[in-house]
Amino acid sequence: MKTLLISASGFGDTAACIRVYIANRPPMAEYAGLQAVQALHSGEIELINRACGNGWRKVFNVYAKLLFVLDAKQFAFAQQAGSWQQYREQYLLQAGSSTALVFSAPDLKPKTKTVHIIAGRAHAKALLEAGLPAQLSWLNNEFAVDKHNRLLVCPYFDYRQLNNEKLAFLAQLIKALDE
């Protein structure tokens, strides 16, 4: 078994309560050596979308859509903007947003309120093989839960893989972490 090195790198709020983990980062020189979680600035998501294409647009859109289907009693994301599109542009992955998109392995610390979401079954399996200390219970071929570590696995953040029905299911799983 490989040794899992945990040093978070990604975009967003260092104190994020919703952390999404993906296997790749935007192929842009300014992010190639990213060694920490860095807050994005207003307009930076659109710059990434223009430079990197539709795949990254989907990741950001699906992330914002997820935040808007979460239980409003648990999370106030939908109260901060009139639509998920406005939230994406004005708050997503910025300082104070409570959101992060992480390109490294989850740092699982039980007894925190952080929700860890690994986007993609293959990415989750690679992290487990690298030593991620999680005990996943697979609910089906796409979703898994480790309630103790507040860790979920879902399809990759793409409209076809994580459609609105599956987003609603993911939101239910997030809500159930607190039950």
Protein backbone atom coordinates (compact mmCIF):
# COMPACT_ATOMS: atom_id res chain seq x y z
CA MET A 1 0.00 0.00 0.00
CA LYS A 2 1.22 3.48 -0.86
CA THR A 3 1.55 6.15 1.80
CA LEU A 4 -1.07 8.84 1.43
CA LEU A 5 0.38 12.32 1.68
CA ILE A 6 -2.05 14.94 2.88
CA SER A 7 -1.27 18.52 2.02
CA ALA A 8 -4.37 20.16 0.68
CA SER A 9 -4.21 21.97 -2.61
CA GLY A 10 -7.19 23.40 -4.40
CA PHE A 11 -9.56 26.32 -4.69
CA GLY A 12 -11.79 27.86 -2.08
CA ASP A 13 -12.17 28.65 1.57
CA THR A 14 -9.64 27.02 3.91
CA ALA A 15 -12.44 26.66 6.49
CA ALA A 16 -14.88 25.08 4.00
CA CYS A 17 -17.68 22.93 5.36
CA ILE A 18 -18.33 21.42 1.90
CA ARG A 19 -15.18 20.02 0.29
CA VAL A 20 -15.31 18.35 -3.11
CA TYR A 21 -12.30 16.28 -4.18
CA ILE A 22 -11.46 15.76 -7.84
CA ALA A 23 -8.52 14.04 -9.48
CA ASN A 24 -7.38 16.85 -11.74
CA ARG A 25 -6.80 20.57 -11.70
CA PRO A 26 -7.27 23.14 -14.46
CA PRO A 27 -4.34 22.84 -16.91
CA MET A 28 -3.21 26.42 -16.42
CA ALA A 29 0.32 27.52 -15.53
CA GLU A 30 -0.87 29.62 -12.58
CA TYR A 31 -2.32 26.53 -10.86
CA ALA A 32 0.34 23.94 -11.78
CA GLY A 33 2.35 24.38 -8.58
CA LEU A 34 -0.55 25.08 -6.25
CA GLN A 35 0.46 23.81 -2.79
CA ALA A 36 -2.44 25.10 -0.69
CA VAL A 37 -6.14 25.86 -0.83
CA GLN A 38 -6.37 29.24 -2.51
CA ALA A 39 -9.50 31.39 -2.58
CA LEU A 40 -10.65 32.34 -6.05
CA HIS A 41 -11.48 35.94 -6.86
CA SER A 42 -14.57 37.30 -8.55
CA GLY A 43 -14.45 36.42 -12.24
CA GLU A 44 -11.77 33.75 -11.85
CA ILE A 45 -14.18 30.86 -12.48
CA GLU A 46 -15.10 32.43 -15.82
CA LEU A 47 -11.39 32.80 -16.69
CA ILE A 48 -10.87 29.09 -15.96
CA ASN A 49 -13.93 28.20 -18.03
CA ARG A 50 -12.64 30.21 -21.01
CA ALA A 51 -9.12 28.81 -20.76
CA CYS A 52 -10.01 25.18 -20.02
CA GLY A 53 -13.31 24.50 -21.72
CA ASN A 54 -16.68 23.00 -21.06
CA GLY A 55 -15.48 20.28 -18.67
CA TRP A 56 -14.53 22.84 -16.05
CA ARG A 57 -17.72 24.81 -16.64
CA LYS A 58 -19.65 21.64 -15.78
CA VAL A 59 -17.67 21.07 -12.58
CA PHE A 60 -18.39 24.59 -11.32
CA ASN A 61 -22.03 24.51 -12.43
CA VAL A 62 -22.76 21.15 -10.82
CA TYR A 63 -21.06 22.28 -7.59
CA ALA A 64 -23.21 25.43 -7.44
CA LYS A 65 -26.36 23.47 -8.30
CA LEU A 66 -25.62 21.01 -5.48
CA LEU A 67 -25.34 23.84 -2.96
CA PHE A 68 -28.76 25.09 -4.02
CA VAL A 69 -30.49 21.73 -3.45
CA LEU A 70 -29.06 21.23 0.05
CA ASP A 71 -31.41 21.46 3.00
CA ALA A 72 -31.74 25.16 3.84
CA LYS A 73 -31.96 24.32 7.57
CA GLN A 74 -28.45 22.82 7.38
CA PHE A 75 -26.82 25.13 4.86
CA ALA A 76 -27.54 28.75 3.91
CA PHE A 77 -25.98 28.72 0.43
CA ALA A 78 -29.31 29.26 -1.36
CA GLN A 79 -30.05 32.28 0.84
CA GLN A 80 -26.92 34.12 -0.33
CA ALA A 81 -27.90 34.53 -3.99
CA GLY A 82 -30.99 34.51 -6.16
CA SER A 83 -29.88 31.52 -8.24
CA TRP A 84 -27.16 28.91 -8.39
CA GLN A 85 -25.67 30.84 -11.31
CA GLN A 86 -25.38 33.99 -9.20
CA TYR A 87 -23.93 31.98 -6.33
CA ARG A 88 -21.33 30.45 -8.67
CA GLU A 89 -20.24 33.88 -9.91
CA GLN A 90 -20.37 35.78 -6.62
CA TYR A 91 -19.37 33.26 -3.91
CA LEU A 92 -18.35 29.76 -5.04
CA LEU A 93 -14.79 28.89 -3.96
CA GLN A 94 -14.10 32.41 -2.75
CA ALA A 95 -12.88 33.42 0.72
CA GLY A 96 -15.63 32.98 3.30
CA SER A 97 -17.77 30.82 0.98
CA SER A 98 -17.45 27.62 3.08
CA THR A 99 -16.75 25.76 -0.18
CA ALA A 100 -13.59 24.15 -1.52
CA LEU A 101 -12.61 22.17 -4.60
CA VAL A 102 -9.62 20.08 -3.60
CA PHE A 103 -7.09 18.36 -5.87
CA SER A 104 -5.44 16.36 -3.08
CA ALA A 105 -6.65 13.64 -0.70
CA PRO A 106 -9.20 14.35 2.03
CA ASP A 107 -7.83 15.09 5.47
CA LEU A 108 -10.45 13.19 7.45
CA LYS A 109 -10.87 14.51 10.96
CA PRO A 110 -13.86 12.93 12.69
CA LYS A 111 -16.06 15.11 14.85
CA THR A 112 -15.91 18.07 12.50
CA LYS A 113 -18.91 19.32 10.57
CA THR A 114 -17.03 19.20 7.27
CA VAL A 115 -18.70 17.23 4.48
CA HIS A 116 -16.16 15.51 2.22
CA ILE A 117 -17.35 14.55 -1.27
CA ILE A 118 -15.15 12.55 -3.62
CA ALA A 119 -16.26 13.12 -7.21
CA GLY A 120 -15.93 9.88 -9.12
CA ARG A 121 -15.75 6.22 -8.18
CA ALA A 122 -12.36 5.75 -9.87
CA HIS A 123 -10.91 8.68 -7.91
CA ALA A 124 -12.31 7.26 -4.66
CA LYS A 125 -10.79 3.85 -5.36
CA ALA A 126 -7.41 5.42 -6.18
CA LEU A 127 -7.49 7.38 -2.91
CA LEU A 128 -8.36 4.22 -0.96
CA GLU A 129 -5.53 2.32 -2.64
CA ALA A 130 -3.19 5.19 -1.72
CA GLY A 131 -4.14 4.79 1.95
CA LEU A 132 -7.18 7.00 2.58
CA PRO A 133 -8.43 5.79 6.01
CA ALA A 134 -12.11 5.44 5.10
CA GLN A 135 -14.66 2.66 5.49
CA LEU A 136 -16.97 3.16 2.55
CA SER A 137 -20.36 1.47 2.34
CA TRP A 138 -21.36 1.35 -1.31
CA LEU A 139 -25.06 2.10 -1.74
CA ASN A 140 -24.95 1.32 -5.47
CA ASN A 141 -22.40 1.56 -8.31
CA GLU A 142 -22.08 5.34 -7.95
CA PHE A 143 -22.63 6.39 -4.33
CA ALA A 144 -20.84 5.42 -1.13
CA VAL A 145 -20.94 6.69 2.45
CA ASP A 146 -18.57 6.72 5.40
CA LYS A 147 -20.78 8.39 8.00
CA HIS A 148 -18.08 8.36 10.70
CA ASN A 149 -15.77 10.49 8.53
CA ARG A 150 -18.63 12.46 6.89
CA LEU A 151 -17.32 11.23 3.54
CA LEU A 152 -19.40 10.61 0.44
CA VAL A 153 -18.56 9.32 -3.01
CA CYS A 154 -20.69 10.39 -5.95
CA PRO A 155 -20.43 10.50 -9.73
CA TYR A 156 -18.03 13.03 -11.25
CA PHE A 157 -19.33 16.61 -11.36
CA ASP A 158 -20.71 16.50 -14.90
CA TYR A 159 -24.35 16.94 -15.98
CA ARG A 160 -24.57 13.49 -17.57
CA GLN A 161 -23.00 11.66 -14.63
CA LEU A 162 -24.49 13.73 -11.79
CA ASN A 163 -27.85 14.81 -13.16
CA ASN A 164 -30.54 16.65 -11.18
CA GLU A 165 -32.03 13.40 -9.82
CA LYS A 166 -28.63 12.23 -8.58
CA LEU A 167 -27.90 15.70 -7.17
CA ALA A 168 -31.09 15.43 -5.11
CA PHE A 169 -29.98 11.98 -3.89
CA LEU A 170 -26.55 13.38 -2.95
CA ALA A 171 -28.28 16.20 -1.04
CA GLN A 172 -30.28 13.58 0.89
CA LEU A 173 -27.06 11.75 1.76
CA ILE A 174 -25.51 14.99 3.02
CA LYS A 175 -28.58 15.69 5.15
CA ALA A 176 -28.44 12.15 6.58
CA LEU A 177 -24.89 12.73 7.85
CA ASP A 178 -26.39 14.86 10.62
CA GLU A 179 -29.19 12.47 11.52
